[in-house]
Amino acid sequence: MMQDDYDDEEPGERRSLVWPLLLVLGIATLAAIGIVWKGDAVDTAFAWARSAVAAIGGGEPGPAPAASPPGRPIGAWMARCDAAARSCTLSQDLRGVGATRLDASWRIEAQAGAVYAIWILPTGILVRPGMQLQFDDNKPVNVPLESCAATDCEVRAKMTPAFVETLRTARASVASISLKGGGSQDFRFSHDGLADGLALLPVPEGATGQD
């Protein structure tokens, strides 16, 4: 009977006291060593101790994720450039276009030594025709869809020097999609400020072909 009473006293709580005591002893030891140590070793030891306390005590909030570089408007475009990371992105968003209030965006960014044009289009479109892209009064060209998810579809094209030159000189471009319910929707993107924005991007001189 006495054994049963003993077992009912939540042995888990008694055992849980062992680790905090060991932790306090370890921190005290590190503090004593820190009196003798000099230089970066002390900082490393105490950083380890703080990490141990955070791990046992539920942890402190981790470092906040790196914020996106602030945007800078250039005409109709928004430029977000990070000199330290050697990255730069141009973007233009269209909201509530047409009778069905559709959204679309166009992003131009450098990736792995190449520059890509990326259009984010709404869902509910016909995949096979892809997207028709027209610059000013030039003949439209078909660009296949890269992928479609639950929220949007994406078109991605690797920018050649000729394509970049077309972007520099055109006044506007229209991206057209065919809707599943019939009809189509045009998204007209302004090229105001685009030439200045492209000058911020590391466009490869020898890039060829389109993806």
N, C-alpha and C. Protein backbone atom coordinates (compact mmCIF):
# COMPACT_ATOMS: atom_id res chain seq x y z
N MET A 1 0.83 -1.20 0.00
CA MET A 1 0.00 0.00 0.00
C MET A 1 0.86 1.25 0.00
N MET A 2 1.93 1.24 0.80
CA MET A 2 2.83 2.38 0.82
C MET A 2 3.51 2.57 -0.52
N GLN A 3 3.79 1.42 -1.15
CA GLN A 3 4.41 1.52 -2.47
C GLN A 3 3.49 2.21 -3.45
N ASP A 4 2.16 1.91 -3.37
CA ASP A 4 1.21 2.55 -4.27
C ASP A 4 1.16 4.04 -4.03
N ASP A 5 1.17 4.46 -2.74
CA ASP A 5 1.16 5.90 -2.44
C ASP A 5 2.40 6.57 -3.01
N TYR A 6 3.50 5.93 -2.92
CA TYR A 6 4.75 6.50 -3.46
C TYR A 6 4.67 6.69 -4.96
N ASP A 7 4.13 5.68 -5.63
CA ASP A 7 4.04 5.76 -7.08
C ASP A 7 3.08 6.82 -7.54
N ASP A 8 2.12 7.22 -6.71
CA ASP A 8 1.13 8.22 -7.11
C ASP A 8 1.66 9.64 -7.01
N GLU A 9 2.88 9.84 -6.58
CA GLU A 9 3.42 11.18 -6.39
C GLU A 9 4.12 11.72 -7.63
N GLU A 10 3.63 11.31 -8.82
CA GLU A 10 4.11 11.84 -10.10
C GLU A 10 5.62 11.79 -10.21
N PRO A 11 6.19 10.59 -10.37
CA PRO A 11 7.64 10.46 -10.48
C PRO A 11 8.22 11.26 -11.64
N GLY A 12 7.42 11.52 -12.66
CA GLY A 12 7.92 12.30 -13.80
C GLY A 12 8.37 13.69 -13.39
N GLU A 13 7.67 14.29 -12.41
CA GLU A 13 8.05 15.64 -11.98
C GLU A 13 9.37 15.61 -11.23
N ARG A 14 9.58 14.55 -10.41
CA ARG A 14 10.83 14.46 -9.69
C ARG A 14 12.01 14.31 -10.64
N ARG A 15 11.81 13.46 -11.67
CA ARG A 15 12.90 13.26 -12.64
C ARG A 15 13.17 14.52 -13.44
N SER A 16 12.07 15.32 -13.69
CA SER A 16 12.25 16.51 -14.51
C SER A 16 13.12 17.56 -13.85
N LEU A 17 13.29 17.45 -12.48
CA LEU A 17 14.13 18.41 -11.79
C LEU A 17 15.62 18.16 -12.02
N VAL A 18 15.96 16.96 -12.44
CA VAL A 18 17.36 16.62 -12.60
C VAL A 18 18.00 17.46 -13.70
N TRP A 19 17.32 17.60 -14.84
CA TRP A 19 17.91 18.30 -15.98
C TRP A 19 18.13 19.78 -15.71
N PRO A 20 17.14 20.51 -15.10
CA PRO A 20 17.45 21.92 -14.78
C PRO A 20 18.63 22.07 -13.85
N LEU A 21 18.76 21.14 -12.85
CA LEU A 21 19.90 21.23 -11.95
C LEU A 21 21.21 21.02 -12.68
N LEU A 22 21.22 20.02 -13.59
CA LEU A 22 22.44 19.80 -14.38
C LEU A 22 22.75 20.99 -15.27
N LEU A 23 21.68 21.60 -15.79
CA LEU A 23 21.87 22.76 -16.66
C LEU A 23 22.48 23.91 -15.89
N VAL A 24 21.95 24.19 -14.70
CA VAL A 24 22.49 25.27 -13.88
C VAL A 24 23.94 25.01 -13.55
N LEU A 25 24.26 23.75 -13.21
CA LEU A 25 25.65 23.40 -12.92
C LEU A 25 26.54 23.64 -14.13
N GLY A 26 26.04 23.26 -15.32
CA GLY A 26 26.83 23.45 -16.54
C GLY A 26 27.07 24.91 -16.83
N ILE A 27 26.01 25.76 -16.65
CA ILE A 27 26.18 27.19 -16.91
C ILE A 27 27.18 27.79 -15.92
N ALA A 28 27.07 27.37 -14.66
CA ALA A 28 28.01 27.88 -13.66
C ALA A 28 29.44 27.51 -14.02
N THR A 29 29.62 26.28 -14.52
CA THR A 29 30.96 25.83 -14.92
C THR A 29 31.49 26.69 -16.08
N LEU A 30 30.60 26.93 -17.05
CA LEU A 30 31.00 27.75 -18.19
C LEU A 30 31.36 29.16 -17.75
N ALA A 31 30.59 29.70 -16.80
CA ALA A 31 30.89 31.05 -16.32
C ALA A 31 32.26 31.10 -15.66
N ALA A 32 32.58 30.04 -14.88
CA ALA A 32 33.89 30.00 -14.24
C ALA A 32 35.01 29.90 -15.26
N ILE A 33 34.79 29.07 -16.27
CA ILE A 33 35.80 28.94 -17.32
C ILE A 33 35.96 30.25 -18.07
N GLY A 34 34.83 30.96 -18.23
CA GLY A 34 34.87 32.22 -18.96
C GLY A 34 35.74 33.26 -18.29
N ILE A 35 35.91 33.15 -16.97
CA ILE A 35 36.77 34.11 -16.30
C ILE A 35 38.21 33.97 -16.77
N VAL A 36 38.59 32.72 -17.09
CA VAL A 36 39.96 32.44 -17.49
C VAL A 36 40.13 32.62 -18.99
N TRP A 37 39.15 32.12 -19.73
CA TRP A 37 39.25 32.20 -21.19
C TRP A 37 39.15 33.64 -21.65
N LYS A 38 39.80 33.88 -22.79
CA LYS A 38 39.68 35.19 -23.43
C LYS A 38 39.39 34.98 -24.91
N GLY A 39 38.86 36.04 -25.51
CA GLY A 39 38.65 36.00 -26.95
C GLY A 39 37.31 35.38 -27.30
N ASP A 40 37.26 34.84 -28.53
CA ASP A 40 36.01 34.34 -29.08
C ASP A 40 35.52 33.10 -28.36
N ALA A 41 36.40 32.35 -27.69
CA ALA A 41 35.98 31.12 -27.02
C ALA A 41 34.93 31.40 -25.98
N VAL A 42 35.04 32.53 -25.26
CA VAL A 42 34.06 32.87 -24.24
C VAL A 42 32.70 33.10 -24.88
N ASP A 43 32.68 33.88 -25.97
CA ASP A 43 31.42 34.14 -26.65
C ASP A 43 30.79 32.86 -27.13
N THR A 44 31.61 31.95 -27.66
CA THR A 44 31.08 30.68 -28.16
C THR A 44 30.48 29.86 -27.02
N ALA A 45 31.18 29.83 -25.87
CA ALA A 45 30.68 29.05 -24.74
C ALA A 45 29.36 29.58 -24.24
N PHE A 46 29.26 30.89 -24.07
CA PHE A 46 28.01 31.44 -23.56
C PHE A 46 26.89 31.36 -24.60
N ALA A 47 27.23 31.44 -25.86
CA ALA A 47 26.21 31.26 -26.89
C ALA A 47 25.64 29.86 -26.81
N TRP A 48 26.52 28.87 -26.59
CA TRP A 48 26.06 27.49 -26.43
C TRP A 48 25.14 27.36 -25.22
N ALA A 49 25.52 28.03 -24.11
CA ALA A 49 24.71 27.95 -22.89
C ALA A 49 23.34 28.56 -23.13
N ARG A 50 23.29 29.70 -23.81
CA ARG A 50 21.99 30.31 -24.09
C ARG A 50 21.14 29.43 -24.97
N SER A 51 21.76 28.75 -25.94
CA SER A 51 21.01 27.83 -26.80
C SER A 51 20.45 26.67 -26.00
N ALA A 52 21.24 26.16 -25.04
CA ALA A 52 20.76 25.05 -24.22
C ALA A 52 19.58 25.47 -23.37
N VAL A 53 19.65 26.67 -22.79
CA VAL A 53 18.53 27.16 -21.99
C VAL A 53 17.28 27.31 -22.84
N ALA A 54 17.46 27.85 -24.05
CA ALA A 54 16.30 28.04 -24.93
C ALA A 54 15.69 26.71 -25.32
N ALA A 55 16.54 25.69 -25.57
CA ALA A 55 16.03 24.39 -26.00
C ALA A 55 15.21 23.73 -24.90
N ILE A 56 15.67 23.83 -23.63
CA ILE A 56 14.96 23.19 -22.53
C ILE A 56 13.76 24.02 -22.09
N GLY A 57 13.89 25.32 -22.12
CA GLY A 57 12.83 26.18 -21.63
C GLY A 57 11.78 26.52 -22.66
N GLY A 58 11.80 25.87 -23.81
CA GLY A 58 10.79 26.15 -24.82
C GLY A 58 11.32 26.99 -25.95
N GLY A 59 12.51 27.59 -25.77
CA GLY A 59 13.17 28.31 -26.85
C GLY A 59 12.72 29.74 -26.96
N GLU A 60 13.64 30.58 -27.36
CA GLU A 60 13.33 31.95 -27.67
C GLU A 60 12.94 32.04 -29.13
N PRO A 61 12.22 33.09 -29.49
CA PRO A 61 11.86 33.24 -30.91
C PRO A 61 13.10 33.26 -31.77
N GLY A 62 13.10 32.50 -32.87
CA GLY A 62 14.24 32.46 -33.77
C GLY A 62 14.39 33.76 -34.52
N PRO A 63 15.50 33.90 -35.22
CA PRO A 63 15.72 35.14 -35.97
C PRO A 63 14.66 35.31 -37.04
N ALA A 64 14.24 36.53 -37.24
CA ALA A 64 13.22 36.81 -38.25
C ALA A 64 13.78 36.52 -39.63
N PRO A 65 12.95 36.01 -40.56
CA PRO A 65 13.44 35.76 -41.91
C PRO A 65 13.89 37.05 -42.56
N ALA A 66 14.88 36.92 -43.44
CA ALA A 66 15.43 38.10 -44.11
C ALA A 66 14.35 38.82 -44.90
N ALA A 67 14.24 40.10 -44.70
CA ALA A 67 13.22 40.88 -45.39
C ALA A 67 13.61 41.09 -46.84
N SER A 68 12.59 41.18 -47.69
CA SER A 68 12.85 41.45 -49.09
C SER A 68 13.40 42.86 -49.22
N PRO A 69 14.30 43.09 -50.18
CA PRO A 69 14.82 44.44 -50.34
C PRO A 69 13.68 45.40 -50.67
N PRO A 70 13.74 46.62 -50.18
CA PRO A 70 12.66 47.58 -50.44
C PRO A 70 12.51 47.87 -51.92
N GLY A 71 11.29 48.08 -52.33
CA GLY A 71 11.02 48.33 -53.74
C GLY A 71 11.25 49.79 -54.11
N ARG A 72 11.64 50.00 -55.36
CA ARG A 72 11.85 51.35 -55.88
C ARG A 72 11.09 51.46 -57.20
N PRO A 73 10.09 52.35 -57.27
CA PRO A 73 9.33 52.47 -58.52
C PRO A 73 10.16 53.07 -59.64
N ILE A 74 10.07 52.45 -60.79
CA ILE A 74 10.70 52.98 -62.01
C ILE A 74 9.62 52.97 -63.08
N GLY A 75 8.98 54.10 -63.28
CA GLY A 75 7.86 54.14 -64.21
C GLY A 75 6.73 53.25 -63.72
N ALA A 76 6.29 52.34 -64.59
CA ALA A 76 5.21 51.42 -64.23
C ALA A 76 5.72 50.18 -63.51
N TRP A 77 7.03 50.11 -63.24
CA TRP A 77 7.64 48.91 -62.68
C TRP A 77 8.14 49.16 -61.26
N MET A 78 8.28 48.08 -60.53
CA MET A 78 8.87 48.13 -59.20
C MET A 78 10.16 47.32 -59.23
N ALA A 79 11.26 47.96 -58.86
CA ALA A 79 12.57 47.30 -58.84
C ALA A 79 12.94 46.96 -57.41
N ARG A 80 13.35 45.72 -57.19
CA ARG A 80 13.85 45.28 -55.89
C ARG A 80 15.23 44.68 -56.11
N CYS A 81 16.24 45.44 -55.71
CA CYS A 81 17.61 45.03 -55.97
C CYS A 81 18.37 44.90 -54.66
N ASP A 82 19.20 43.88 -54.57
CA ASP A 82 20.04 43.63 -53.41
C ASP A 82 21.47 43.51 -53.90
N ALA A 83 22.26 44.57 -53.69
CA ALA A 83 23.62 44.58 -54.20
C ALA A 83 24.46 43.49 -53.56
N ALA A 84 24.24 43.24 -52.26
CA ALA A 84 25.04 42.24 -51.56
C ALA A 84 24.79 40.85 -52.13
N ALA A 85 23.54 40.55 -52.44
CA ALA A 85 23.19 39.24 -52.99
C ALA A 85 23.31 39.19 -54.51
N ARG A 86 23.65 40.33 -55.11
CA ARG A 86 23.77 40.42 -56.57
C ARG A 86 22.50 39.94 -57.26
N SER A 87 21.37 40.40 -56.76
CA SER A 87 20.08 40.02 -57.35
C SER A 87 19.26 41.27 -57.59
N CYS A 88 18.42 41.19 -58.61
CA CYS A 88 17.55 42.32 -58.93
C CYS A 88 16.32 41.78 -59.65
N THR A 89 15.15 42.30 -59.28
CA THR A 89 13.91 41.85 -59.86
C THR A 89 13.06 43.06 -60.24
N LEU A 90 12.48 43.01 -61.42
CA LEU A 90 11.51 44.01 -61.86
C LEU A 90 10.14 43.35 -61.88
N SER A 91 9.12 44.08 -61.48
CA SER A 91 7.78 43.48 -61.48
C SER A 91 6.72 44.54 -61.76
N GLN A 92 5.62 44.07 -62.33
CA GLN A 92 4.45 44.91 -62.59
C GLN A 92 3.21 44.05 -62.35
N ASP A 93 2.31 44.56 -61.53
CA ASP A 93 1.09 43.81 -61.18
C ASP A 93 -0.12 44.50 -61.78
N LEU A 94 -1.03 43.68 -62.31
CA LEU A 94 -2.32 44.16 -62.81
C LEU A 94 -3.41 43.53 -61.96
N ARG A 95 -4.33 44.34 -61.44
CA ARG A 95 -5.37 43.86 -60.54
C ARG A 95 -6.76 44.16 -61.09
N GLY A 96 -7.64 43.16 -60.97
CA GLY A 96 -9.04 43.36 -61.32
C GLY A 96 -9.27 43.72 -62.77
N VAL A 97 -8.64 42.97 -63.68
CA VAL A 97 -8.75 43.27 -65.11
C VAL A 97 -9.97 42.56 -65.70
N GLY A 98 -10.71 43.27 -66.56
CA GLY A 98 -11.83 42.65 -67.27
C GLY A 98 -13.08 42.49 -66.41
N ALA A 99 -14.11 41.93 -67.05
CA ALA A 99 -15.39 41.77 -66.38
C ALA A 99 -15.32 40.81 -65.20
N THR A 100 -14.43 39.83 -65.28
CA THR A 100 -14.30 38.86 -64.19
C THR A 100 -13.24 39.24 -63.17
N ARG A 101 -12.66 40.45 -63.29
CA ARG A 101 -11.73 41.01 -62.30
C ARG A 101 -10.56 40.07 -62.04
N LEU A 102 -9.81 39.76 -63.09
CA LEU A 102 -8.69 38.85 -62.98
C LEU A 102 -7.39 39.60 -62.67
N ASP A 103 -6.46 38.90 -62.01
CA ASP A 103 -5.16 39.47 -61.68
C ASP A 103 -4.07 38.79 -62.51
N ALA A 104 -3.03 39.54 -62.80
CA ALA A 104 -1.87 38.99 -63.49
C ALA A 104 -0.65 39.83 -63.11
N SER A 105 0.51 39.25 -63.26
CA SER A 105 1.74 39.98 -62.97
C SER A 105 2.84 39.53 -63.92
N TRP A 106 3.82 40.39 -64.09
CA TRP A 106 4.97 40.10 -64.94
C TRP A 106 6.21 40.43 -64.13
N ARG A 107 7.11 39.48 -64.04
CA ARG A 107 8.33 39.64 -63.26
C ARG A 107 9.53 39.34 -64.15
N ILE A 108 10.57 40.13 -64.04
CA ILE A 108 11.82 39.92 -64.77
C ILE A 108 12.92 39.82 -63.73
N GLU A 109 13.66 38.72 -63.74
CA GLU A 109 14.67 38.52 -62.70
C GLU A 109 15.84 37.71 -63.22
N ALA A 110 16.98 37.89 -62.55
CA ALA A 110 18.19 37.14 -62.87
C ALA A 110 18.25 35.90 -62.01
N GLN A 111 18.56 34.76 -62.64
CA GLN A 111 18.67 33.49 -61.93
C GLN A 111 19.79 32.68 -62.54
N ALA A 112 20.75 32.28 -61.72
CA ALA A 112 21.82 31.37 -62.13
C ALA A 112 22.48 31.79 -63.45
N GLY A 113 22.83 33.05 -63.55
CA GLY A 113 23.55 33.53 -64.72
C GLY A 113 22.70 33.81 -65.93
N ALA A 114 21.38 33.73 -65.81
CA ALA A 114 20.49 34.03 -66.93
C ALA A 114 19.39 34.96 -66.42
N VAL A 115 18.67 35.57 -67.36
CA VAL A 115 17.58 36.46 -67.00
C VAL A 115 16.29 35.89 -67.58
N TYR A 116 15.24 35.86 -66.75
CA TYR A 116 13.98 35.26 -67.14
C TYR A 116 12.85 36.27 -67.05
N ALA A 117 11.90 36.13 -67.96
CA ALA A 117 10.63 36.84 -67.88
C ALA A 117 9.59 35.84 -67.41
N ILE A 118 8.86 36.19 -66.36
CA ILE A 118 7.90 35.27 -65.74
C ILE A 118 6.56 35.97 -65.63
N TRP A 119 5.54 35.39 -66.25
CA TRP A 119 4.19 35.90 -66.15
C TRP A 119 3.39 35.00 -65.22
N ILE A 120 2.72 35.57 -64.25
CA ILE A 120 1.84 34.84 -63.35
C ILE A 120 0.41 35.16 -63.77
N LEU A 121 -0.32 34.14 -64.20
CA LEU A 121 -1.65 34.30 -64.78
C LEU A 121 -2.70 33.59 -63.93
N PRO A 122 -3.96 33.96 -64.07
CA PRO A 122 -5.00 33.30 -63.28
C PRO A 122 -5.25 31.87 -63.76
N THR A 123 -5.92 31.10 -62.93
CA THR A 123 -6.34 29.75 -63.32
C THR A 123 -7.63 29.85 -64.14
N GLY A 124 -8.16 28.68 -64.53
CA GLY A 124 -9.38 28.68 -65.33
C GLY A 124 -9.13 29.06 -66.77
N ILE A 125 -7.92 28.77 -67.27
CA ILE A 125 -7.58 29.09 -68.65
C ILE A 125 -7.26 27.80 -69.41
N LEU A 126 -7.31 27.88 -70.72
CA LEU A 126 -6.98 26.73 -71.56
C LEU A 126 -5.47 26.59 -71.64
N VAL A 127 -4.98 25.40 -71.30
CA VAL A 127 -3.54 25.19 -71.22
C VAL A 127 -2.91 25.05 -72.60
N ARG A 128 -3.58 24.34 -73.51
CA ARG A 128 -2.96 24.03 -74.80
C ARG A 128 -2.59 25.28 -75.60
N PRO A 129 -3.44 26.30 -75.69
CA PRO A 129 -3.03 27.48 -76.47
C PRO A 129 -1.89 28.25 -75.81
N GLY A 130 -1.69 28.06 -74.52
CA GLY A 130 -0.66 28.81 -73.83
C GLY A 130 -1.01 30.29 -73.74
N MET A 131 -0.01 31.12 -73.79
CA MET A 131 -0.21 32.57 -73.73
C MET A 131 0.25 33.19 -75.04
N GLN A 132 -0.53 34.13 -75.53
CA GLN A 132 -0.12 34.90 -76.71
C GLN A 132 0.49 36.21 -76.24
N LEU A 133 1.68 36.52 -76.76
CA LEU A 133 2.39 37.72 -76.36
C LEU A 133 2.61 38.61 -77.58
N GLN A 134 2.19 39.86 -77.45
CA GLN A 134 2.30 40.80 -78.56
C GLN A 134 2.94 42.09 -78.07
N PHE A 135 3.96 42.56 -78.80
CA PHE A 135 4.61 43.83 -78.51
C PHE A 135 4.14 44.87 -79.52
N ASP A 136 3.54 45.94 -79.00
CA ASP A 136 3.00 47.00 -79.86
C ASP A 136 2.12 46.38 -80.96
N ASP A 137 2.45 46.68 -82.23
CA ASP A 137 1.65 46.15 -83.34
C ASP A 137 2.30 44.94 -84.00
N ASN A 138 3.30 44.36 -83.38
CA ASN A 138 3.96 43.20 -83.96
C ASN A 138 3.05 41.97 -83.94
N LYS A 139 3.43 40.97 -84.69
CA LYS A 139 2.65 39.74 -84.73
C LYS A 139 2.76 39.00 -83.40
N PRO A 140 1.62 38.53 -82.85
CA PRO A 140 1.68 37.81 -81.57
C PRO A 140 2.44 36.50 -81.71
N VAL A 141 3.07 36.08 -80.62
CA VAL A 141 3.76 34.79 -80.57
C VAL A 141 3.17 33.98 -79.43
N ASN A 142 3.12 32.66 -79.62
CA ASN A 142 2.60 31.77 -78.59
C ASN A 142 3.73 31.36 -77.65
N VAL A 143 3.48 31.47 -76.37
CA VAL A 143 4.44 31.06 -75.34
C VAL A 143 3.76 30.00 -74.47
N PRO A 144 4.30 28.80 -74.38
CA PRO A 144 3.63 27.73 -73.62
C PRO A 144 3.64 28.02 -72.12
N LEU A 145 2.63 27.47 -71.44
CA LEU A 145 2.57 27.57 -69.99
C LEU A 145 3.63 26.66 -69.38
N GLU A 146 4.31 27.16 -68.36
CA GLU A 146 5.30 26.37 -67.65
C GLU A 146 4.63 25.40 -66.67
N SER A 147 3.63 25.91 -65.94
CA SER A 147 2.94 25.09 -64.94
C SER A 147 1.67 25.79 -64.51
N CYS A 148 0.76 25.01 -63.92
CA CYS A 148 -0.47 25.54 -63.33
C CYS A 148 -0.67 24.89 -61.98
N ALA A 149 -0.95 25.72 -60.97
CA ALA A 149 -1.24 25.23 -59.62
C ALA A 149 -2.67 25.61 -59.26
N ALA A 150 -3.01 25.43 -57.98
CA ALA A 150 -4.38 25.70 -57.56
C ALA A 150 -4.71 27.19 -57.63
N THR A 151 -3.72 28.04 -57.51
CA THR A 151 -3.98 29.48 -57.42
C THR A 151 -3.61 30.26 -58.68
N ASP A 152 -2.68 29.75 -59.49
CA ASP A 152 -2.26 30.51 -60.65
C ASP A 152 -1.54 29.62 -61.65
N CYS A 153 -1.30 30.18 -62.82
CA CYS A 153 -0.51 29.52 -63.86
C CYS A 153 0.72 30.39 -64.15
N GLU A 154 1.77 29.75 -64.63
CA GLU A 154 3.02 30.47 -64.83
C GLU A 154 3.57 30.24 -66.23
N VAL A 155 4.04 31.31 -66.82
CA VAL A 155 4.76 31.27 -68.09
C VAL A 155 6.16 31.78 -67.80
N ARG A 156 7.16 31.06 -68.28
CA ARG A 156 8.55 31.43 -68.01
C ARG A 156 9.33 31.38 -69.32
N ALA A 157 10.05 32.46 -69.63
CA ALA A 157 10.84 32.53 -70.86
C ALA A 157 12.22 33.06 -70.55
N LYS A 158 13.24 32.37 -71.05
CA LYS A 158 14.61 32.85 -70.91
C LYS A 158 14.84 33.98 -71.91
N MET A 159 15.37 35.09 -71.44
CA MET A 159 15.49 36.28 -72.26
C MET A 159 16.79 36.29 -73.04
N THR A 160 16.67 36.32 -74.35
CA THR A 160 17.83 36.45 -75.23
C THR A 160 18.15 37.93 -75.42
N PRO A 161 19.34 38.26 -75.93
CA PRO A 161 19.64 39.67 -76.21
C PRO A 161 18.62 40.31 -77.14
N ALA A 162 18.13 39.56 -78.14
CA ALA A 162 17.13 40.11 -79.06
C ALA A 162 15.83 40.41 -78.33
N PHE A 163 15.46 39.51 -77.41
CA PHE A 163 14.23 39.70 -76.64
C PHE A 163 14.37 40.93 -75.72
N VAL A 164 15.53 41.09 -75.13
CA VAL A 164 15.78 42.25 -74.27
C VAL A 164 15.67 43.54 -75.08
N GLU A 165 16.22 43.54 -76.29
CA GLU A 165 16.16 44.72 -77.13
C GLU A 165 14.71 45.05 -77.51
N THR A 166 13.91 44.02 -77.74
CA THR A 166 12.49 44.23 -78.04
C THR A 166 11.80 44.89 -76.85
N LEU A 167 12.12 44.42 -75.65
CA LEU A 167 11.52 45.02 -74.45
C LEU A 167 11.92 46.48 -74.31
N ARG A 168 13.17 46.79 -74.65
CA ARG A 168 13.65 48.17 -74.50
C ARG A 168 12.91 49.14 -75.42
N THR A 169 12.61 48.70 -76.62
CA THR A 169 12.07 49.60 -77.63
C THR A 169 10.55 49.62 -77.69
N ALA A 170 9.89 48.57 -77.19
CA ALA A 170 8.43 48.51 -77.27
C ALA A 170 7.80 49.46 -76.26
N ARG A 171 6.62 49.97 -76.60
CA ARG A 171 5.91 50.86 -75.70
C ARG A 171 5.03 50.09 -74.72
N ALA A 172 4.55 48.93 -75.16
CA ALA A 172 3.66 48.13 -74.32
C ALA A 172 3.64 46.71 -74.86
N SER A 173 3.17 45.80 -74.04
CA SER A 173 2.98 44.42 -74.49
C SER A 173 1.67 43.90 -73.92
N VAL A 174 1.07 42.98 -74.66
CA VAL A 174 -0.22 42.41 -74.26
C VAL A 174 -0.06 40.90 -74.13
N ALA A 175 -0.39 40.37 -72.98
CA ALA A 175 -0.43 38.92 -72.75
C ALA A 175 -1.88 38.48 -72.78
N SER A 176 -2.19 37.57 -73.69
CA SER A 176 -3.58 37.12 -73.87
C SER A 176 -3.70 35.65 -73.51
N ILE A 177 -4.81 35.30 -72.85
CA ILE A 177 -5.09 33.92 -72.49
C ILE A 177 -6.50 33.56 -72.93
N SER A 178 -6.71 32.27 -73.20
CA SER A 178 -8.03 31.76 -73.55
C SER A 178 -8.68 31.18 -72.30
N LEU A 179 -9.91 31.59 -72.03
CA LEU A 179 -10.61 31.16 -70.83
C LEU A 179 -11.38 29.87 -71.09
N LYS A 180 -11.47 29.03 -70.07
CA LYS A 180 -12.19 27.76 -70.22
C LYS A 180 -13.67 27.97 -70.49
N GLY A 181 -14.24 29.02 -69.95
CA GLY A 181 -15.66 29.27 -70.17
C GLY A 181 -15.96 29.92 -71.50
N GLY A 182 -14.93 30.12 -72.33
CA GLY A 182 -15.11 30.78 -73.60
C GLY A 182 -14.57 32.20 -73.57
N GLY A 183 -14.12 32.67 -74.71
CA GLY A 183 -13.58 34.01 -74.79
C GLY A 183 -12.12 34.06 -74.36
N SER A 184 -11.62 35.25 -74.23
CA SER A 184 -10.21 35.44 -73.86
C SER A 184 -10.08 36.67 -72.97
N GLN A 185 -8.90 36.83 -72.43
CA GLN A 185 -8.64 38.01 -71.60
C GLN A 185 -7.26 38.54 -71.93
N ASP A 186 -7.18 39.85 -72.15
CA ASP A 186 -5.92 40.51 -72.44
C ASP A 186 -5.42 41.23 -71.19
N PHE A 187 -4.12 41.14 -70.98
CA PHE A 187 -3.46 41.89 -69.91
C PHE A 187 -2.42 42.80 -70.56
N ARG A 188 -2.64 44.09 -70.47
CA ARG A 188 -1.76 45.05 -71.13
C ARG A 188 -0.75 45.58 -70.11
N PHE A 189 0.52 45.33 -70.36
CA PHE A 189 1.60 45.77 -69.49
C PHE A 189 2.31 46.97 -70.11
N SER A 190 2.48 48.00 -69.31
CA SER A 190 3.18 49.20 -69.78
C SER A 190 4.69 48.96 -69.72
N HIS A 191 5.40 49.54 -70.70
CA HIS A 191 6.86 49.46 -70.71
C HIS A 191 7.49 50.76 -70.21
N ASP A 192 6.69 51.62 -69.61
CA ASP A 192 7.21 52.86 -69.07
C ASP A 192 8.23 52.56 -67.96
N GLY A 193 9.45 53.00 -68.15
CA GLY A 193 10.51 52.76 -67.17
C GLY A 193 11.21 51.43 -67.32
N LEU A 194 10.77 50.59 -68.22
CA LEU A 194 11.35 49.25 -68.34
C LEU A 194 12.80 49.30 -68.82
N ALA A 195 13.11 50.17 -69.76
CA ALA A 195 14.49 50.26 -70.26
C ALA A 195 15.45 50.61 -69.13
N ASP A 196 15.05 51.55 -68.26
CA ASP A 196 15.90 51.91 -67.13
C ASP A 196 15.99 50.75 -66.13
N GLY A 197 14.90 50.03 -65.94
CA GLY A 197 14.92 48.89 -65.04
C GLY A 197 15.81 47.77 -65.56
N LEU A 198 15.78 47.53 -66.86
CA LEU A 198 16.61 46.47 -67.44
C LEU A 198 18.09 46.76 -67.27
N ALA A 199 18.44 48.05 -67.21
CA ALA A 199 19.85 48.41 -67.03
C ALA A 199 20.37 47.95 -65.66
N LEU A 200 19.47 47.68 -64.73
CA LEU A 200 19.88 47.21 -63.41
C LEU A 200 20.15 45.71 -63.38
N LEU A 201 19.69 44.99 -64.38
CA LEU A 201 19.81 43.54 -64.39
C LEU A 201 21.10 43.12 -65.08
N PRO A 202 21.74 42.06 -64.56
CA PRO A 202 22.96 41.55 -65.20
C PRO A 202 22.61 40.65 -66.37
N VAL A 203 22.23 41.26 -67.50
CA VAL A 203 21.82 40.49 -68.67
C VAL A 203 23.03 39.86 -69.31
N PRO A 204 23.09 38.52 -69.43
CA PRO A 204 24.26 37.87 -70.04
C PRO A 204 24.40 38.26 -71.50
N GLU A 205 25.60 38.56 -71.91
CA GLU A 205 25.83 38.97 -73.30
C GLU A 205 25.63 37.82 -74.27
N GLY A 206 25.99 36.60 -73.87
CA GLY A 206 25.94 35.49 -74.80
C GLY A 206 24.73 34.60 -74.66
N ALA A 207 23.70 35.08 -73.97
CA ALA A 207 22.52 34.22 -73.77
C ALA A 207 21.82 33.98 -75.09
N THR A 208 21.41 32.75 -75.32
CA THR A 208 20.70 32.39 -76.54
C THR A 208 19.57 31.46 -76.20
N GLY A 209 18.57 31.44 -77.09
CA GLY A 209 17.48 30.50 -76.94
C GLY A 209 16.46 30.97 -75.93
N GLN A 210 15.29 30.26 -75.89
CA GLN A 210 14.24 30.53 -74.95
C GLN A 210 13.82 29.24 -74.31
N ASP A 211 13.43 29.30 -73.00
CA ASP A 211 12.91 28.13 -72.28
C ASP A 211 11.43 28.27 -72.12
